[in-house]
Protein backbone atom coordinates (compact mmCIF):
# COMPACT_ATOMS: atom_id res chain seq x y z
CA MET A 1 0.00 0.00 0.00
CA LEU A 2 2.76 2.42 0.92
CA GLU A 3 4.83 1.55 -2.15
CA SER A 4 1.99 2.19 -4.60
CA ARG A 5 0.92 5.52 -3.08
CA PRO A 6 3.64 6.90 -0.79
CA ASP A 7 1.76 10.16 -0.24
CA TRP A 8 -1.69 8.83 0.67
CA CYS A 9 -1.08 8.94 4.39
CA ILE A 10 0.74 12.29 4.61
CA SER A 11 -0.55 14.97 6.96
CA ARG A 12 0.94 18.47 6.65
CA GLN A 13 -0.14 19.26 10.21
CA ARG A 14 2.06 18.62 13.22
CA ALA A 15 0.54 16.04 15.59
CA TRP A 16 1.60 13.12 17.71
CA GLY A 17 3.02 10.36 15.51
CA LEU A 18 6.12 9.09 13.79
CA PRO A 19 7.84 11.42 11.28
CA ILE A 20 7.44 10.65 7.62
CA PRO A 21 10.87 9.56 6.33
CA ALA A 22 10.79 12.13 3.53
CA PHE A 23 13.52 14.52 2.44
CA PHE A 24 13.46 17.74 0.42
CA GLY A 25 15.88 19.35 -1.97
CA PRO A 26 16.66 23.08 -2.15
CA GLY A 27 13.50 23.71 -4.19
CA GLU A 28 11.22 21.58 -2.01
CA GLU A 29 11.63 18.63 -4.37
CA LEU A 30 10.59 15.38 -2.64
CA LEU A 31 12.67 12.25 -2.02
CA LEU A 32 10.34 9.53 -0.81
CA THR A 33 10.76 6.13 -2.44
CA PRO A 34 10.35 2.56 -1.17
CA ALA A 35 14.14 2.15 -1.14
CA SER A 36 14.78 5.39 0.79
CA ILE A 37 12.05 4.51 3.28
CA ARG A 38 13.62 1.09 3.90
CA ALA A 39 17.01 2.73 4.51
CA VAL A 40 15.52 4.99 7.19
CA ALA A 41 13.52 2.06 8.61
CA ARG A 42 16.76 0.15 9.14
CA ARG A 43 18.12 3.08 11.19
CA PHE A 44 14.88 3.17 13.19
CA GLY A 45 15.08 -0.56 13.80
CA GLN A 46 18.67 -0.22 15.01
CA PHE A 47 18.50 2.95 17.11
CA GLY A 48 14.80 3.77 17.60
CA SER A 49 12.68 6.53 16.06
CA ASP A 50 14.52 9.26 18.02
CA VAL A 51 17.38 8.81 15.58
CA TRP A 52 15.36 10.93 13.15
CA PHE A 53 15.97 13.97 15.36
CA GLN A 54 19.57 13.07 16.15
CA GLU A 55 21.09 12.45 12.72
CA ASP A 56 21.41 14.39 9.48
CA PRO A 57 19.87 13.15 6.20
CA ALA A 58 23.06 11.56 4.94
CA SER A 59 23.40 9.51 8.13
CA LEU A 60 19.75 8.49 8.08
CA LEU A 61 20.20 7.27 4.51
CA GLN A 62 23.26 5.14 5.23
CA GLY A 63 23.19 2.09 2.99
CA TYR A 64 20.92 3.80 0.47
CA GLU A 65 22.35 3.50 -3.06
CA PRO A 66 20.68 6.02 -5.42
CA GLU A 67 21.87 4.28 -8.56
CA GLU A 68 20.17 1.07 -7.44
CA ASP A 69 16.86 2.79 -6.78
CA PRO A 70 14.61 2.62 -9.87
CA ASP A 71 12.41 5.37 -8.36
CA PHE A 72 15.27 7.77 -7.63
CA PRO A 73 13.96 11.23 -8.70
CA ASP A 74 15.43 12.87 -11.78
CA TRP A 75 16.10 16.17 -10.00
CA LEU A 76 18.56 14.40 -7.68
CA ARG A 77 20.00 11.99 -10.21
CA ALA A 78 22.52 14.45 -11.61
CA SER A 79 24.21 15.07 -8.23
CA GLY A 80 24.11 11.39 -7.23
CA LYS A 81 25.00 10.29 -3.73
CA GLU A 82 26.73 13.62 -2.98
CA GLY A 83 23.35 15.29 -3.36
CA LEU A 84 22.17 13.53 -0.20
CA GLN A 85 24.30 15.97 1.80
CA LYS A 86 22.11 18.87 0.62
CA LEU A 87 18.79 17.37 1.68
CA THR A 88 16.65 18.59 4.57
CA LYS A 89 14.35 16.41 6.70
CA SER A 90 10.59 16.59 6.50
CA VAL A 91 8.72 17.91 9.53
CA ASP A 92 5.55 16.07 8.53
CA ILE A 93 4.21 12.98 10.29
CA PHE A 94 2.21 9.92 9.34
CA ASP A 95 -1.47 10.16 10.05
CA VAL A 96 -1.59 8.92 13.63
CA TRP A 97 -4.30 6.35 12.84
CA PHE A 98 -2.43 4.85 9.94
CA GLU A 99 0.68 4.68 12.06
CA SER A 100 -0.93 2.86 14.99
CA GLY A 101 -3.28 0.90 12.75
CA SER A 102 -0.39 -0.68 10.88
CA SER A 103 1.61 -1.56 13.97
CA TRP A 104 0.58 -5.21 13.56
CA HIS A 105 2.82 -5.39 10.48
CA ALA A 106 5.92 -4.03 12.21
CA VAL A 107 5.42 -5.99 15.42
CA LEU A 108 3.93 -9.31 14.33
CA ARG A 109 5.21 -9.81 10.81
CA GLY A 110 8.33 -7.66 10.98
CA ARG A 111 9.57 -9.51 14.07
CA GLU A 112 8.17 -12.87 12.90
CA ILE A 113 6.20 -13.29 16.13
CA GLY A 114 3.23 -14.78 14.30
CA TYR A 115 0.19 -13.25 12.64
CA PRO A 116 -2.51 -12.46 13.62
CA ALA A 117 -2.21 -11.35 17.27
CA ASP A 118 -3.92 -13.52 19.90
CA LEU A 119 -5.43 -10.45 21.56
CA TYR A 120 -5.90 -6.71 20.97
CA LEU A 121 -6.35 -4.73 24.18
CA GLU A 122 -7.53 -1.12 24.37
CA GLY A 123 -10.01 1.27 25.90
CA SER A 124 -13.72 1.17 25.13
CA ASP A 125 -13.45 4.36 23.04
CA GLN A 126 -11.38 2.60 20.36
CA HIS A 127 -14.00 0.50 18.55
CA ARG A 128 -14.03 3.05 15.73
CA GLY A 129 -10.46 4.11 16.47
CA TRP A 130 -7.48 1.82 16.77
CA PHE A 131 -9.45 -1.41 16.43
CA GLN A 132 -11.16 -0.37 13.20
CA LEU A 133 -8.09 1.38 11.77
CA SER A 134 -6.09 -1.77 12.45
CA MET A 135 -8.64 -3.92 10.66
CA LEU A 136 -8.84 -1.82 7.50
CA PRO A 137 -5.18 -1.95 6.37
CA ALA A 138 -4.84 -5.53 7.63
CA LEU A 139 -7.86 -6.72 5.64
CA GLY A 140 -6.60 -4.88 2.58
CA ALA A 141 -3.07 -6.26 2.84
CA THR A 142 -3.63 -9.77 4.24
CA GLY A 143 -7.33 -10.54 3.90
CA GLN A 144 -7.81 -11.24 7.62
CA ASN A 145 -8.18 -9.39 10.91
CA PRO A 146 -4.93 -8.58 12.73
CA PHE A 147 -6.35 -10.10 15.95
CA ARG A 148 -8.08 -13.30 17.00
CA GLU A 149 -9.78 -11.77 20.02
CA LEU A 150 -10.63 -8.26 21.11
CA LEU A 151 -10.82 -6.97 24.69
CA THR A 152 -11.99 -3.49 25.68
CA HIS A 153 -11.92 -1.85 29.08
CA GLY A 154 -13.25 1.21 30.85
CA PHE A 155 -11.36 4.09 32.44
CA MET A 156 -10.30 5.07 35.94
CA VAL A 157 -12.56 7.56 37.72
CA ASP A 158 -12.65 8.73 41.33
CA ALA A 159 -14.97 7.36 44.03
CA LYS A 160 -17.70 9.78 42.90
CA GLY A 161 -17.43 8.70 39.27
CA ARG A 162 -15.60 11.82 38.12
CA LYS A 163 -12.78 11.72 35.60
CA MET A 164 -9.42 11.92 37.34
CA SER A 165 -7.64 15.21 36.75
CA LYS A 166 -4.65 16.88 38.36
CA SER A 167 -6.40 20.23 38.12
CA VAL A 168 -9.31 18.86 40.17
CA GLY A 169 -6.90 17.19 42.59
CA ASN A 170 -8.61 13.80 42.62
CA THR A 171 -5.79 11.70 41.17
CA ILE A 172 -4.05 8.83 42.96
CA GLU A 173 -0.46 8.20 41.92
CA VAL A 174 0.52 4.60 41.27
CA SER A 175 3.85 5.25 43.03
CA ASP A 176 1.94 6.18 46.20
CA ILE A 177 -0.13 2.99 46.00
CA LEU A 178 2.98 0.86 45.56
CA LYS A 179 4.72 2.61 48.44
CA GLN A 180 1.82 2.03 50.84
CA HIS A 181 0.52 -1.38 49.76
CA GLY A 182 3.07 -2.99 47.43
CA ALA A 183 2.81 -4.20 43.86
CA ASP A 184 0.97 -7.47 44.57
CA VAL A 185 -1.85 -5.74 46.46
CA CYS A 186 -2.18 -3.27 43.60
CA ARG A 187 -2.29 -6.13 41.07
CA TRP A 188 -4.82 -8.01 43.21
CA TRP A 189 -7.09 -4.97 43.27
CA VAL A 190 -6.84 -4.60 39.48
CA SER A 191 -7.65 -8.27 38.97
CA SER A 192 -10.80 -7.94 41.08
CA LEU A 193 -12.34 -5.29 38.81
CA SER A 194 -15.05 -5.67 36.22
CA TYR A 195 -12.98 -3.79 33.67
CA THR A 196 -15.70 -3.60 31.02
CA HIS A 197 -17.04 -0.51 32.82
CA ASP A 198 -15.39 2.62 34.19
CA ILE A 199 -13.49 1.83 37.38
CA LYS A 200 -13.81 3.82 40.59
CA VAL A 201 -10.58 4.35 42.51
CA ASP A 202 -10.36 5.19 46.20
CA TRP A 203 -7.87 4.47 48.99
CA GLU A 204 -10.50 2.42 50.83
CA PHE A 205 -10.58 -0.05 47.94
CA PHE A 206 -6.87 -0.74 48.38
CA ARG A 207 -7.34 -1.33 52.11
CA VAL A 208 -9.91 -4.04 51.32
CA ALA A 209 -7.62 -5.50 48.64
CA SER A 210 -4.79 -5.58 51.17
CA GLU A 211 -6.91 -7.59 53.63
CA GLU A 212 -7.89 -10.07 50.92
CA TYR A 213 -4.27 -10.39 49.84
CA ARG A 214 -3.20 -11.18 53.42
CA LYS A 215 -5.81 -13.94 53.60
CA ILE A 216 -4.40 -15.58 50.46
CA ARG A 217 -0.80 -15.12 51.57
CA ASN A 218 -1.50 -16.54 55.03
CA THR A 219 -3.32 -19.52 53.53
CA ILE A 220 -0.33 -20.35 51.36
CA ARG A 221 1.95 -19.81 54.34
CA PHE A 222 -0.09 -22.24 56.48
CA LEU A 223 0.00 -24.86 53.72
CA LEU A 224 3.76 -24.61 53.24
CA GLY A 225 4.45 -24.51 56.97
CA ASN A 226 2.69 -27.83 57.47
CA LEU A 227 4.50 -29.51 54.58
CA LYS A 228 7.98 -29.03 56.04
CA ASP A 229 8.42 -32.76 56.82
CA PHE A 230 6.51 -34.08 53.79
CA ARG A 231 8.30 -35.76 50.89
CA THR A 232 7.15 -37.25 47.59
CA GLU A 233 7.61 -40.82 48.80
CA GLN A 234 5.07 -40.16 51.57
CA ILE A 235 2.18 -39.43 49.18
CA VAL A 236 -0.96 -41.38 50.10
CA GLU A 237 -3.00 -43.05 47.37
CA PHE A 238 -6.71 -42.84 48.20
CA SER A 239 -8.39 -46.15 48.98
CA GLU A 240 -12.15 -46.69 49.22
CA PRO A 241 -12.33 -45.83 52.98
CA ASP A 242 -10.35 -42.64 52.28
CA ARG A 243 -13.17 -41.39 50.05
CA TYR A 244 -15.20 -40.68 53.21
CA SER A 245 -12.51 -38.44 54.70
CA ILE A 246 -12.47 -34.65 54.74
CA ASP A 247 -9.34 -34.94 52.59
CA SER A 248 -11.40 -36.55 49.85
CA TRP A 249 -13.89 -33.68 50.05
CA ALA A 250 -11.00 -31.19 49.77
CA MET A 251 -9.66 -32.96 46.67
CA GLN A 252 -13.06 -32.69 45.02
CA GLN A 253 -13.19 -29.00 45.89
CA LEU A 254 -9.69 -28.56 44.45
CA SER A 255 -10.77 -30.20 41.19
CA GLN A 256 -13.67 -27.75 40.88
CA PHE A 257 -11.38 -24.82 41.77
CA VAL A 258 -8.87 -25.68 39.02
CA ASN A 259 -11.63 -26.03 36.44
CA GLU A 260 -13.09 -22.63 37.34
CA VAL A 261 -9.68 -20.93 37.25
CA HIS A 262 -8.95 -22.34 33.79
CA ARG A 263 -12.36 -21.32 32.48
CA ASP A 264 -12.20 -17.73 33.73
CA TYR A 265 -8.58 -17.07 32.75
CA ALA A 266 -9.37 -18.32 29.23
CA SER A 267 -12.27 -15.88 28.93
CA PHE A 268 -10.31 -12.94 30.48
CA ARG A 269 -12.78 -12.73 33.39
CA PHE A 270 -10.06 -11.91 35.88
CA ASN A 271 -12.49 -10.61 38.48
CA LEU A 272 -14.06 -14.07 38.58
CA VAL A 273 -10.60 -15.61 38.88
CA SER A 274 -9.83 -13.44 41.91
CA ASP A 275 -13.26 -14.22 43.43
CA THR A 276 -12.66 -17.95 42.96
CA ILE A 277 -9.18 -17.77 44.50
CA PHE A 278 -10.30 -15.71 47.49
CA ASN A 279 -13.38 -17.84 48.19
CA PHE A 280 -11.33 -21.02 47.92
CA CYS A 281 -8.82 -19.69 50.46
CA ASN A 282 -11.30 -18.02 52.78
CA GLN A 283 -14.21 -20.46 52.76
CA THR A 284 -13.15 -23.87 51.45
CA LEU A 285 -9.72 -23.93 53.09
CA SER A 286 -9.59 -21.62 56.11
CA ALA A 287 -13.17 -22.00 57.32
CA VAL A 288 -13.56 -25.72 56.66
CA TYR A 289 -10.69 -27.91 55.56
CA LEU A 290 -7.63 -26.42 57.27
CA ALA A 291 -9.57 -25.90 60.50
CA ALA A 292 -10.66 -29.56 60.42
CA VAL A 293 -7.20 -31.07 59.87
CA LYS A 294 -5.24 -28.94 62.38
CA ASP A 295 -5.56 -31.52 65.16
CA ARG A 296 -4.22 -34.40 63.07
CA LEU A 297 -1.44 -32.23 61.64
CA TYR A 298 -0.24 -31.14 65.08
CA CYS A 299 -1.13 -34.10 67.32
CA ASP A 300 -1.24 -37.33 65.29
CA HIS A 301 1.96 -39.37 64.94
CA PRO A 302 4.11 -37.73 62.22
CA ASN A 303 3.81 -40.80 59.96
CA SER A 304 0.18 -41.64 60.70
CA HIS A 305 -2.05 -42.37 57.74
CA ARG A 306 -4.43 -39.50 58.58
CA ARG A 307 -1.62 -36.95 58.80
CA ARG A 308 0.17 -38.05 55.64
CA ARG A 309 -3.13 -38.17 53.77
CA ALA A 310 -3.84 -34.58 54.80
CA GLN A 311 -0.34 -33.52 53.76
CA THR A 312 -0.81 -35.24 50.40
CA VAL A 313 -3.88 -33.10 49.75
CA MET A 314 -2.29 -29.93 51.12
CA SER A 315 0.71 -30.40 48.81
CA ARG A 316 -1.62 -30.70 45.82
CA ILE A 317 -3.54 -27.62 46.96
CA ALA A 318 -0.36 -25.58 47.52
CA ASP A 319 0.97 -26.41 44.06
CA ALA A 320 -2.33 -25.57 42.34
CA LEU A 321 -2.96 -22.42 44.36
CA ILE A 322 0.50 -20.97 43.74
CA ARG A 323 0.20 -21.62 40.00
CA ALA A 324 -3.30 -20.11 39.94
CA VAL A 325 -2.29 -16.85 41.65
CA ALA A 326 1.01 -16.47 39.76
CA PRO A 327 -0.36 -14.29 36.91
CA ILE A 328 -1.74 -11.88 39.52
CA LEU A 329 0.42 -12.08 42.66
CA VAL A 330 3.69 -12.41 40.76
CA PHE A 331 6.11 -11.79 43.64
CA THR A 332 4.23 -13.71 46.32
CA ALA A 333 3.76 -16.69 43.99
CA GLU A 334 7.44 -16.75 43.06
CA GLU A 335 8.55 -16.69 46.69
CA ALA A 336 6.10 -19.45 47.62
CA TRP A 337 6.99 -21.56 44.56
CA LEU A 338 10.71 -21.53 45.33
CA HIS A 339 10.02 -22.46 48.96
CA HIS A 340 7.56 -25.22 48.04
CA ASN A 341 9.99 -26.79 45.59
CA ASP A 342 13.16 -26.22 47.65
CA HIS A 343 14.76 -23.90 45.09
CA SER A 344 17.00 -20.94 45.82
CA GLU A 345 16.19 -17.40 44.70
CA ASP A 346 18.74 -17.58 41.87
CA SER A 347 17.18 -20.79 40.57
CA ASP A 348 15.86 -21.06 37.02
CA HIS A 349 12.77 -22.91 38.33
CA SER A 350 10.46 -19.91 38.30
CA VAL A 351 6.72 -20.31 38.69
CA HIS A 352 6.38 -17.98 35.72
CA PHE A 353 7.84 -20.70 33.50
CA ALA A 354 5.17 -23.10 34.77
CA SER A 355 1.61 -23.45 33.50
CA LEU A 356 -1.71 -23.22 35.28
CA PRO A 357 -2.51 -26.29 37.41
CA ASP A 358 -3.45 -29.33 35.37
CA LEU A 359 -7.13 -30.12 35.05
CA PHE A 360 -8.18 -33.30 36.85
CA ASP A 361 -11.36 -35.03 38.02
CA PHE A 362 -11.86 -36.30 41.53
CA GLU A 363 -15.06 -37.75 42.94
CA ALA A 364 -15.42 -37.96 46.70
CA ALA A 365 -17.92 -40.36 48.21
CA PRO A 366 -21.54 -39.26 47.72
CA GLY A 367 -23.20 -37.74 50.74
CA TRP A 368 -20.93 -34.79 51.45
CA SER A 369 -23.74 -32.32 50.81
CA GLU A 370 -25.69 -33.95 53.68
CA VAL A 371 -22.60 -33.91 55.90
CA MET A 372 -22.08 -30.19 55.31
CA ALA A 373 -25.76 -29.48 55.97
CA LEU A 374 -25.47 -31.33 59.30
CA ARG A 375 -22.28 -29.40 60.09
CA GLY A 376 -24.09 -26.12 59.43
CA GLU A 377 -26.86 -27.01 61.88
CA ALA A 378 -24.36 -28.18 64.48
CA LEU A 379 -22.33 -24.97 64.26
CA ARG A 380 -25.51 -22.94 64.68
CA LYS A 381 -26.27 -24.83 67.89
CA LEU A 382 -22.71 -24.27 69.10
CA GLU A 383 -23.11 -20.51 68.58
CA GLU A 384 -26.26 -20.60 70.69
CA ALA A 385 -24.34 -22.47 73.40
CA LYS A 386 -21.80 -19.64 73.55
CA ASN A 387 -24.49 -17.26 74.86
CA PRO A 388 -24.79 -16.99 78.66
CA GLY A 389 -28.29 -18.43 78.45
CA GLY A 390 -27.04 -21.39 76.42
CA GLY A 391 -24.24 -22.36 78.78
CA GLY A 392 -21.57 -19.78 77.99
CA LEU A 393 -19.22 -22.15 76.17
CA LYS A 394 -16.08 -20.35 75.01
CA ASN A 395 -14.09 -23.14 73.40
CA PRO A 396 -15.83 -25.65 71.06
CA LEU A 397 -13.42 -28.33 72.33
CA ASP A 398 -15.27 -28.09 75.65
CA ALA A 399 -18.34 -29.51 73.92
CA ALA A 400 -19.68 -32.78 72.57
CA ILE A 401 -22.47 -33.03 70.01
CA THR A 402 -25.15 -35.68 69.76
CA ALA A 403 -27.23 -35.63 66.59
CA ARG A 404 -30.39 -37.71 66.31
CA ILE A 405 -31.04 -38.45 62.65
CA PRO A 406 -33.98 -40.14 60.88
CA GLU A 407 -33.18 -43.64 59.68
CA ALA A 408 -33.36 -42.64 56.02
CA ARG A 409 -30.35 -40.31 56.44
CA LEU A 410 -28.55 -41.99 59.30
CA LYS A 411 -27.03 -44.80 57.25
CA THR A 412 -25.36 -42.34 54.87
CA LEU A 413 -24.08 -39.99 57.57
CA GLN A 414 -22.60 -42.83 59.66
CA LEU A 415 -20.04 -43.41 56.88
CA PHE A 416 -18.63 -39.96 57.68
CA GLU A 417 -19.00 -40.08 61.49
CA ALA A 418 -15.24 -40.30 62.15
CA GLU A 419 -14.76 -36.84 60.60
CA LEU A 420 -17.65 -35.00 62.23
CA ALA A 421 -15.92 -33.99 65.48
CA ASP A 422 -13.00 -32.33 63.66
CA LEU A 423 -15.34 -30.80 61.09
CA CYS A 424 -17.22 -29.05 63.89
CA GLY A 425 -14.15 -28.40 66.05
CA VAL A 426 -15.55 -30.28 69.07
CA SER A 427 -14.16 -33.11 71.20
CA ARG A 428 -16.82 -35.71 70.39
CA PHE A 429 -19.62 -36.17 67.85
CA GLN A 430 -22.15 -38.99 68.08
CA LEU A 431 -24.91 -40.01 65.66
CA LEU A 432 -28.07 -41.70 66.94
CA ALA A 433 -31.33 -42.73 65.33
CA GLY A 434 -34.29 -40.44 65.86
CA SER A 435 -37.71 -39.68 64.44
CA GLU A 436 -36.53 -36.25 63.27
CA MET A 437 -33.23 -34.39 63.25
CA GLU A 438 -32.33 -33.08 66.69
CA ILE A 439 -28.95 -31.71 67.78
CA GLU A 440 -27.88 -31.56 71.41
CA ILE A 441 -24.77 -29.83 72.81
CA GLN A 442 -23.15 -31.36 75.93
CA ASP A 443 -20.89 -29.30 78.18
CA LEU A 444 -17.68 -31.26 78.91
CA ARG A 445 -15.95 -28.72 81.11
CA ASP A 446 -16.26 -31.01 84.13
CA GLU A 447 -14.18 -33.65 82.31
CA HIS A 448 -10.39 -33.66 82.15
CA ARG A 449 -8.79 -31.94 79.14
CA CYS A 450 -5.82 -33.35 77.24
CA GLU A 451 -2.86 -31.09 77.91
CA ARG A 452 -1.53 -31.71 74.39
CA SER A 453 -4.56 -31.51 72.10
CA TRP A 454 -7.03 -29.75 74.46
CA LYS A 455 -9.62 -32.37 73.56
CA ARG A 456 -12.02 -33.90 76.12
CA ASP A 457 -12.63 -37.13 74.21
CA GLY A 458 -13.41 -39.39 77.19
CA THR A 459 -10.00 -41.13 77.20
CA VAL A 460 -8.07 -38.43 79.05
CA ARG A 461 -6.32 -39.61 82.21
CA GLN A 462 -3.17 -38.92 84.18
CA ARG A 463 -0.14 -40.61 82.65
CA SER A 464 3.13 -41.83 84.16
CA ASP A 465 4.82 -38.45 83.66
CA GLY A 466 2.08 -36.77 85.67
CA GLY A 467 0.40 -35.12 82.68
CA TRP A 468 -3.21 -35.48 81.56
CA LEU A 469 -3.30 -37.00 78.06
CA SER A 470 -5.80 -38.73 75.80
CA ASP A 471 -5.06 -42.26 74.61
CA ARG A 472 -4.12 -40.94 71.16
CA ASP A 473 -1.70 -38.33 72.48
CA ALA A 474 -0.15 -40.67 75.03
CA GLU A 475 0.53 -43.22 72.30
CA VAL A 476 2.18 -40.62 70.07
CA LEU A 477 4.46 -39.63 72.97
CA GLY A 478 5.30 -43.28 73.70
CA LEU A 479 3.58 -43.30 77.08
CA VAL A 480 1.30 -46.27 76.43
């Protein structure tokens, strides 16, 4: 297009854009041929476009051979290459839309990156701007769009929806955000936005983002801290009885988490990615799974099946979670990845060379929805027991729960009975048959408490060393 009509895109008005690589003789005669343009383009490619303002015409045209240029103008032919010394540079520019709209050629084809681009990203005001003016020359020159997918976003406004302006005084400097909260908090906040609309910015939003970031960071820290003594050879393969464990439920939740992360990253719905990550850390892990396995992690024998099974799941979760947050929390993920894989900071094993967690399917035993419904009712009763009128319980481990369940549901729930006490954070949980569901809280504060696990499980007694321990804890300490 440029070779056939080198003057079609010329603007005689100064504006933002690249200079037109044109030169003029003493009488305003024009030198602008495909060969002269390529000579200047080589200088641009080597030194950048600022070279136009730094060098004289002869230097800009280094490597240009007039006698080899079939389009060399007659007015300059007589003086030959020496005539290049008398040229002056044009002060004109390319039309800014042609310049930006043909960038796909210089970037994708010129650098052999691959054409078309996977994604074009710009503001929502560019549908009839850069996007359209990229399509037109690309369709004319190649017959296809210069992009496979198109993503548009809104603009930053203040908390009241006003355009940010220094004259109004409502701007927030990125450097100030980074200084106060750090880059990862800033990136987390950006990821949480529905960018298809204008985005309100206020310091309060970054405070909330900082709290959410700490929840994710602390979750990863807890996972890694409890994997210190875990090695690959200690991985537990799930048997049929293991399918009724809380670890099996967590694996099923992890499978769903990975699927959702893949889906939302692929569709550029980063706010859904951040929601999924936060909810997984805050609700699935912190509120349920990690709370339930703390006792076995801290108090079971280090090589017990329950503890190693929990560590197996936690290792899978840590690996997947770090990979999932890496595109957003780049520094936190890198630090966690190196720690999780025992690599030093100068290692080449960066998380940013890894992919998202692999998709996988895992089916826990059926019935977990009923277990979680029972847990919800039990926790509600425990909250009532914390009130002065309900007994004033302060620590759930001072309580036992008895749940009377109709026969139709009892058989299913009994398969999960071994996990119910830890799921509710109490010392004992018993299931009995009943005509309708009824949950009773028993106060165990009159019973002895294990000095190691704080549980009142009915087996606590004074041991040979003088301490009060449950049977489980005494066995772990070799006192049985």
